[in-house]
Amino acid sequence: MTPHTLLTPQDCALILVDEQAGLAFAAGSADRQGLRSNAVALARIAQAFDIPVIVSTSASKVYSGPLMPPLRQVLPDVVPIERRNMNLWEDEAARAAVLATGRRTLVIAGLLTEACVSFPALSALVEGYEVRVVADACGGLTPESHAAALRRLEQAGAVMTSWLQLLLELQRDWTRHDTYEAARSIVVDHGGGYGIGLDYARDMIHPA
């Protein structure tokens, strides 16, 4: 694949890094509620399109806390991999889980952008993986440091995307019935005005 190739669900694996409350408290680059909503939308996309998900946590017993509850609800069968390294790629269990998916395109999001998102993305790029960073599901300490981390990733070859662009890229055709209702419900729940519009359109077409 190239950065210009449109993804299919069979191409990629999702890595969610440190989506924990203790780190969300430190994220000042965007509204925290919005960041959590975007991360949940991303997890729901993976479920809807049957994409492998690797979840990693750190310092869950001493500072960061467990994976945030809404994500545990969406991913009940995914067991977070607890690691000590800041770089997920340097943790044997986490790296093995990524390799086991057999996917060469990694979609990465999490907290914090400056380290725990950036480091595995940079390491994966060095090893020849294609990396797509879901920028609006990543939070940094400040808007400036978040933006700097994303610039560094883009300069290294990572492709920036958003959760909505990813969803639409995977769906691509609203007549794909297998995933239509799941995709639509994600937009309705997390897509702001776009989601409100979808509900409105359904009401107008199929009034009660």
C-alpha atoms as a PDB file:
ATOM      1  CA  MET A   1       0.000   0.000   0.000  1.00  0.00           C
ATOM      2  CA  THR A   2       0.949   3.647  -0.352  1.00  0.00           C
ATOM      3  CA  PRO A   3      -0.218   6.625   1.741  1.00  0.00           C
ATOM      4  CA  HIS A   4      -2.575   7.458  -1.118  1.00  0.00           C
ATOM      5  CA  THR A   5      -4.282   4.048  -1.130  1.00  0.00           C
ATOM      6  CA  LEU A   6      -7.762   3.901   0.367  1.00  0.00           C
ATOM      7  CA  LEU A   7      -7.912   1.455   3.247  1.00  0.00           C
ATOM      8  CA  THR A   8     -10.115  -1.600   3.423  1.00  0.00           C
ATOM      9  CA  PRO A   9     -10.922  -3.397   6.691  1.00  0.00           C
ATOM     10  CA  GLN A  10      -8.649  -6.262   5.632  1.00  0.00           C
ATOM     11  CA  ASP A  11      -5.606  -3.973   5.426  1.00  0.00           C
ATOM     12  CA  CYS A  12      -5.211  -2.685   8.934  1.00  0.00           C
ATOM     13  CA  ALA A  13      -5.024  -3.218  12.668  1.00  0.00           C
ATOM     14  CA  LEU A  14      -5.950  -0.659  15.328  1.00  0.00           C
ATOM     15  CA  ILE A  15      -3.643   0.172  18.227  1.00  0.00           C
ATOM     16  CA  LEU A  16      -5.136   2.102  21.133  1.00  0.00           C
ATOM     17  CA  VAL A  17      -2.436   3.351  23.472  1.00  0.00           C
ATOM     18  CA  ASP A  18      -3.029   4.327  27.096  1.00  0.00           C
ATOM     19  CA  GLU A  19      -6.650   5.425  26.878  1.00  0.00           C
ATOM     20  CA  GLN A  20      -6.673   5.849  30.658  1.00  0.00           C
ATOM     21  CA  ALA A  21      -8.191   8.520  32.871  1.00  0.00           C
ATOM     22  CA  GLY A  22      -4.942   9.462  34.573  1.00  0.00           C
ATOM     23  CA  LEU A  23      -3.468  10.429  31.218  1.00  0.00           C
ATOM     24  CA  ALA A  24      -6.683  12.056  30.025  1.00  0.00           C
ATOM     25  CA  PHE A  25      -6.357  14.420  32.999  1.00  0.00           C
ATOM     26  CA  ALA A  26      -3.010  15.547  31.536  1.00  0.00           C
ATOM     27  CA  ALA A  27      -4.310  16.014  27.992  1.00  0.00           C
ATOM     28  CA  GLY A  28      -4.788  19.722  27.403  1.00  0.00           C
ATOM     29  CA  SER A  29      -4.660  19.826  23.619  1.00  0.00           C
ATOM     30  CA  ALA A  30      -8.413  19.341  23.145  1.00  0.00           C
ATOM     31  CA  ASP A  31     -11.632  18.916  25.090  1.00  0.00           C
ATOM     32  CA  ARG A  32     -11.248  15.720  27.117  1.00  0.00           C
ATOM     33  CA  GLN A  33     -14.849  14.632  26.644  1.00  0.00           C
ATOM     34  CA  GLY A  34     -14.380  15.034  22.902  1.00  0.00           C
ATOM     35  CA  LEU A  35     -11.150  13.027  22.956  1.00  0.00           C
ATOM     36  CA  ARG A  36     -12.856  10.192  24.814  1.00  0.00           C
ATOM     37  CA  SER A  37     -15.822  10.280  22.442  1.00  0.00           C
ATOM     38  CA  ASN A  38     -13.483  10.096  19.459  1.00  0.00           C
ATOM     39  CA  ALA A  39     -11.604   7.158  20.951  1.00  0.00           C
ATOM     40  CA  VAL A  40     -14.873   5.312  21.569  1.00  0.00           C
ATOM     41  CA  ALA A  41     -15.961   6.044  17.994  1.00  0.00           C
ATOM     42  CA  LEU A  42     -12.668   4.590  16.784  1.00  0.00           C
ATOM     43  CA  ALA A  43     -13.117   1.429  18.848  1.00  0.00           C
ATOM     44  CA  ARG A  44     -16.645   1.062  17.513  1.00  0.00           C
ATOM     45  CA  ILE A  45     -15.346   1.412  13.957  1.00  0.00           C
ATOM     46  CA  ALA A  46     -12.938  -1.454  14.558  1.00  0.00           C
ATOM     47  CA  GLN A  47     -15.766  -3.606  15.908  1.00  0.00           C
ATOM     48  CA  ALA A  48     -18.102  -2.722  13.059  1.00  0.00           C
ATOM     49  CA  PHE A  49     -15.534  -3.571  10.380  1.00  0.00           C
ATOM     50  CA  ASP A  50     -13.965  -6.563  12.161  1.00  0.00           C
ATOM     51  CA  ILE A  51     -10.540  -4.937  12.477  1.00  0.00           C
ATOM     52  CA  PRO A  52      -8.069  -6.442  14.983  1.00  0.00           C
ATOM     53  CA  VAL A  53      -7.566  -4.248  18.036  1.00  0.00           C
ATOM     54  CA  ILE A  54      -4.534  -4.105  20.314  1.00  0.00           C
ATOM     55  CA  VAL A  55      -4.993  -2.139  23.520  1.00  0.00           C
ATOM     56  CA  SER A  56      -2.055  -1.182  25.685  1.00  0.00           C
ATOM     57  CA  THR A  57      -2.003   0.419  29.129  1.00  0.00           C
ATOM     58  CA  SER A  58       0.741   1.636  31.440  1.00  0.00           C
ATOM     59  CA  ALA A  59       1.026   2.353  35.165  1.00  0.00           C
ATOM     60  CA  SER A  60      -2.591   1.288  35.566  1.00  0.00           C
ATOM     61  CA  LYS A  61      -2.161   0.380  39.249  1.00  0.00           C
ATOM     62  CA  VAL A  62      -0.188   3.408  40.381  1.00  0.00           C
ATOM     63  CA  TYR A  63      -1.235   6.436  38.361  1.00  0.00           C
ATOM     64  CA  SER A  64      -3.062   6.096  35.061  1.00  0.00           C
ATOM     65  CA  GLY A  65      -5.920   3.787  36.036  1.00  0.00           C
ATOM     66  CA  PRO A  66      -7.511   1.089  33.872  1.00  0.00           C
ATOM     67  CA  LEU A  67      -8.750   1.434  30.327  1.00  0.00           C
ATOM     68  CA  MET A  68     -11.589   3.972  30.441  1.00  0.00           C
ATOM     69  CA  PRO A  69     -15.016   2.383  31.062  1.00  0.00           C
ATOM     70  CA  PRO A  70     -16.697   3.342  27.737  1.00  0.00           C
ATOM     71  CA  LEU A  71     -13.876   1.620  25.877  1.00  0.00           C
ATOM     72  CA  ARG A  72     -14.149  -1.457  28.081  1.00  0.00           C
ATOM     73  CA  GLN A  73     -17.828  -1.603  27.163  1.00  0.00           C
ATOM     74  CA  VAL A  74     -17.110  -1.393  23.430  1.00  0.00           C
ATOM     75  CA  LEU A  75     -14.185  -3.849  23.595  1.00  0.00           C
ATOM     76  CA  PRO A  76     -15.272  -6.409  26.215  1.00  0.00           C
ATOM     77  CA  ASP A  77     -13.183  -9.222  24.710  1.00  0.00           C
ATOM     78  CA  VAL A  78      -9.967  -7.229  24.309  1.00  0.00           C
ATOM     79  CA  VAL A  79      -7.542  -7.641  27.204  1.00  0.00           C
ATOM     80  CA  PRO A  80      -5.264  -4.611  27.612  1.00  0.00           C
ATOM     81  CA  ILE A  81      -1.552  -5.353  27.543  1.00  0.00           C
ATOM     82  CA  GLU A  82       0.128  -3.703  30.517  1.00  0.00           C
ATOM     83  CA  ARG A  83       3.625  -2.489  29.722  1.00  0.00           C
ATOM     84  CA  ARG A  84       6.493  -0.630  31.378  1.00  0.00           C
ATOM     85  CA  ASN A  85       8.197   0.921  28.367  1.00  0.00           C
ATOM     86  CA  MET A  86       6.898   4.222  27.043  1.00  0.00           C
ATOM     87  CA  ASN A  87       7.362   2.719  23.586  1.00  0.00           C
ATOM     88  CA  LEU A  88       4.817  -0.025  22.964  1.00  0.00           C
ATOM     89  CA  TRP A  89       7.067  -1.340  20.188  1.00  0.00           C
ATOM     90  CA  GLU A  90       9.773  -2.131  22.753  1.00  0.00           C
ATOM     91  CA  ASP A  91       7.388  -4.264  24.833  1.00  0.00           C
ATOM     92  CA  GLU A  92       7.642  -7.892  23.749  1.00  0.00           C
ATOM     93  CA  ALA A  93       4.016  -8.825  24.448  1.00  0.00           C
ATOM     94  CA  ALA A  94       2.582  -5.738  22.767  1.00  0.00           C
ATOM     95  CA  ARG A  95       4.812  -6.025  19.724  1.00  0.00           C
ATOM     96  CA  ALA A  96       4.017  -9.733  19.423  1.00  0.00           C
ATOM     97  CA  ALA A  97       0.300  -8.918  19.492  1.00  0.00           C
ATOM     98  CA  VAL A  98       0.764  -6.458  16.630  1.00  0.00           C
ATOM     99  CA  LEU A  99       2.806  -8.929  14.600  1.00  0.00           C
ATOM    100  CA  ALA A 100       0.220 -11.656  15.191  1.00  0.00           C
ATOM    101  CA  THR A 101      -2.417  -9.666  13.321  1.00  0.00           C
ATOM    102  CA  GLY A 102      -0.420 -10.014  10.117  1.00  0.00           C
ATOM    103  CA  ARG A 103      -1.494  -6.500   9.104  1.00  0.00           C
ATOM    104  CA  ARG A 104       1.067  -4.104   7.637  1.00  0.00           C
ATOM    105  CA  THR A 105      -0.977  -0.939   8.079  1.00  0.00           C
ATOM    106  CA  LEU A 106      -1.347   0.266  11.650  1.00  0.00           C
ATOM    107  CA  VAL A 107      -3.969   2.768  12.740  1.00  0.00           C
ATOM    108  CA  ILE A 108      -2.770   4.359  15.981  1.00  0.00           C
ATOM    109  CA  ALA A 109      -4.406   6.650  18.535  1.00  0.00           C
ATOM    110  CA  GLY A 110      -4.102   7.311  22.237  1.00  0.00           C
ATOM    111  CA  LEU A 111      -2.560   9.342  25.026  1.00  0.00           C
ATOM    112  CA  LEU A 112      -0.218  11.156  25.123  1.00  0.00           C
ATOM    113  CA  THR A 113       0.702  12.178  21.594  1.00  0.00           C
ATOM    114  CA  GLU A 114       4.213  13.315  22.494  1.00  0.00           C
ATOM    115  CA  ALA A 115       5.466   9.889  23.627  1.00  0.00           C
ATOM    116  CA  CYS A 116       3.214   6.873  23.897  1.00  0.00           C
ATOM    117  CA  VAL A 117       1.590   7.522  20.503  1.00  0.00           C
ATOM    118  CA  SER A 118       4.668   8.879  18.734  1.00  0.00           C
ATOM    119  CA  PHE A 119       7.247   6.326  19.791  1.00  0.00           C
ATOM    120  CA  PRO A 120       5.552   3.134  18.503  1.00  0.00           C
ATOM    121  CA  ALA A 121       4.457   4.942  15.350  1.00  0.00           C
ATOM    122  CA  LEU A 122       8.049   6.004  14.630  1.00  0.00           C
ATOM    123  CA  SER A 123       9.375   2.521  15.407  1.00  0.00           C
ATOM    124  CA  ALA A 124       6.796   0.857  13.160  1.00  0.00           C
ATOM    125  CA  LEU A 125       7.654   3.228  10.310  1.00  0.00           C
ATOM    126  CA  VAL A 126      11.330   2.279  10.616  1.00  0.00           C
ATOM    127  CA  GLU A 127      10.329  -1.376  10.212  1.00  0.00           C
ATOM    128  CA  GLY A 128       8.409  -0.675   7.023  1.00  0.00           C
ATOM    129  CA  TYR A 129       4.844  -0.493   8.322  1.00  0.00           C
ATOM    130  CA  GLU A 130       2.405   2.039   7.000  1.00  0.00           C
ATOM    131  CA  VAL A 131       1.095   4.112   9.890  1.00  0.00           C
ATOM    132  CA  ARG A 132      -2.065   6.187  10.031  1.00  0.00           C
ATOM    133  CA  VAL A 133      -2.464   8.373  13.091  1.00  0.00           C
ATOM    134  CA  VAL A 134      -6.001   9.291  14.106  1.00  0.00           C
ATOM    135  CA  ALA A 135      -5.108  12.830  15.103  1.00  0.00           C
ATOM    136  CA  ASP A 136      -8.431  13.769  16.704  1.00  0.00           C
ATOM    137  CA  ALA A 137      -8.319  10.688  18.937  1.00  0.00           C
ATOM    138  CA  CYS A 138      -4.875  11.624  20.280  1.00  0.00           C
ATOM    139  CA  GLY A 139      -4.319  14.047  23.125  1.00  0.00           C
ATOM    140  CA  GLY A 140      -1.172  15.914  24.071  1.00  0.00           C
ATOM    141  CA  LEU A 141      -0.144  17.978  27.037  1.00  0.00           C
ATOM    142  CA  THR A 142      -0.707  21.263  25.198  1.00  0.00           C
ATOM    143  CA  PRO A 143      -2.024  22.167  21.737  1.00  0.00           C
ATOM    144  CA  GLU A 144       1.507  23.172  20.756  1.00  0.00           C
ATOM    145  CA  SER A 145       3.211  19.973  21.881  1.00  0.00           C
ATOM    146  CA  HIS A 146       0.454  17.832  20.336  1.00  0.00           C
ATOM    147  CA  ALA A 147       0.833  19.658  17.018  1.00  0.00           C
ATOM    148  CA  ALA A 148       4.632  19.338  17.133  1.00  0.00           C
ATOM    149  CA  ALA A 149       4.368  15.587  17.726  1.00  0.00           C
ATOM    150  CA  LEU A 150       1.981  15.197  14.797  1.00  0.00           C
ATOM    151  CA  ARG A 151       4.316  17.209  12.563  1.00  0.00           C
ATOM    152  CA  ARG A 152       7.231  14.977  13.493  1.00  0.00           C
ATOM    153  CA  LEU A 153       5.163  11.873  12.725  1.00  0.00           C
ATOM    154  CA  GLU A 154       4.062  13.273   9.384  1.00  0.00           C
ATOM    155  CA  GLN A 155       7.642  14.188   8.486  1.00  0.00           C
ATOM    156  CA  ALA A 156       8.630  10.590   9.300  1.00  0.00           C
ATOM    157  CA  GLY A 157       6.001   9.255   6.884  1.00  0.00           C
ATOM    158  CA  ALA A 158       2.886   8.704   8.986  1.00  0.00           C
ATOM    159  CA  VAL A 159      -0.447   9.661   7.432  1.00  0.00           C
ATOM    160  CA  MET A 160      -2.785  11.851   9.466  1.00  0.00           C
ATOM    161  CA  THR A 161      -6.491  11.035   9.514  1.00  0.00           C
ATOM    162  CA  SER A 162      -9.573  11.480  11.712  1.00  0.00           C
ATOM    163  CA  TRP A 163     -11.995   8.915  13.073  1.00  0.00           C
ATOM    164  CA  LEU A 164     -14.723  10.126  10.711  1.00  0.00           C
ATOM    165  CA  GLN A 165     -12.472  10.010   7.662  1.00  0.00           C
ATOM    166  CA  LEU A 166     -11.427   6.479   8.635  1.00  0.00           C
ATOM    167  CA  LEU A 167     -15.046   5.372   9.006  1.00  0.00           C
ATOM    168  CA  LEU A 168     -16.069   6.850   5.654  1.00  0.00           C
ATOM    169  CA  GLU A 169     -12.968   5.411   3.985  1.00  0.00           C
ATOM    170  CA  LEU A 170     -13.833   1.928   5.216  1.00  0.00           C
ATOM    171  CA  GLN A 171     -17.544   2.205   4.386  1.00  0.00           C
ATOM    172  CA  ARG A 172     -17.134   4.106   1.077  1.00  0.00           C
ATOM    173  CA  ASP A 173     -20.555   3.067  -0.190  1.00  0.00           C
ATOM    174  CA  TRP A 174     -23.685   3.534   1.935  1.00  0.00           C
ATOM    175  CA  THR A 175     -25.289   0.605   0.091  1.00  0.00           C
ATOM    176  CA  ARG A 176     -22.853  -1.783   1.802  1.00  0.00           C
ATOM    177  CA  HIS A 177     -25.563  -3.201   4.008  1.00  0.00           C
ATOM    178  CA  ASP A 178     -23.361  -5.410   6.219  1.00  0.00           C
ATOM    179  CA  THR A 179     -21.854  -2.387   7.927  1.00  0.00           C
ATOM    180  CA  TYR A 180     -24.360   0.357   7.133  1.00  0.00           C
ATOM    181  CA  GLU A 181     -26.333   0.409  10.397  1.00  0.00           C
ATOM    182  CA  ALA A 182     -23.249   0.139  12.587  1.00  0.00           C
ATOM    183  CA  ALA A 183     -21.461   2.895  10.653  1.00  0.00           C
ATOM    184  CA  ARG A 184     -24.522   5.119  10.713  1.00  0.00           C
ATOM    185  CA  SER A 185     -25.006   4.678  14.463  1.00  0.00           C
ATOM    186  CA  ILE A 186     -21.392   5.658  15.129  1.00  0.00           C
ATOM    187  CA  VAL A 187     -21.875   8.880  13.182  1.00  0.00           C
ATOM    188  CA  VAL A 188     -25.171   9.577  14.943  1.00  0.00           C
ATOM    189  CA  ASP A 189     -23.622   9.088  18.397  1.00  0.00           C
ATOM    190  CA  HIS A 190     -20.264  10.796  17.819  1.00  0.00           C
ATOM    191  CA  GLY A 191     -20.546  12.911  14.678  1.00  0.00           C
ATOM    192  CA  GLY A 192     -22.057  16.117  16.030  1.00  0.00           C
ATOM    193  CA  GLY A 193     -24.120  17.990  13.467  1.00  0.00           C
ATOM    194  CA  TYR A 194     -23.509  15.327  10.833  1.00  0.00           C
ATOM    195  CA  GLY A 195     -25.047  12.718  13.116  1.00  0.00           C
ATOM    196  CA  ILE A 196     -27.978  14.977  13.959  1.00  0.00           C
ATOM    197  CA  GLY A 197     -28.518  15.401  10.237  1.00  0.00           C
ATOM    198  CA  LEU A 198     -28.606  11.655   9.656  1.00  0.00           C
ATOM    199  CA  ASP A 199     -31.262  11.240  12.346  1.00  0.00           C
ATOM    200  CA  TYR A 200     -33.236  14.143  10.892  1.00  0.00           C
ATOM    201  CA  ALA A 201     -33.076  12.681   7.395  1.00  0.00           C
ATOM    202  CA  ARG A 202     -34.340   9.309   8.622  1.00  0.00           C
ATOM    203  CA  ASP A 203     -37.220  10.975  10.440  1.00  0.00           C
ATOM    204  CA  MET A 204     -38.153  12.934   7.320  1.00  0.00           C
ATOM    205  CA  ILE A 205     -37.965   9.920   5.021  1.00  0.00           C
ATOM    206  CA  HIS A 206     -39.657   7.540   7.444  1.00  0.00           C
ATOM    207  CA  PRO A 207     -41.887   9.687   9.681  1.00  0.00           C
ATOM    208  CA  ALA A 208     -43.471   7.969  12.655  1.00  0.00           C
END
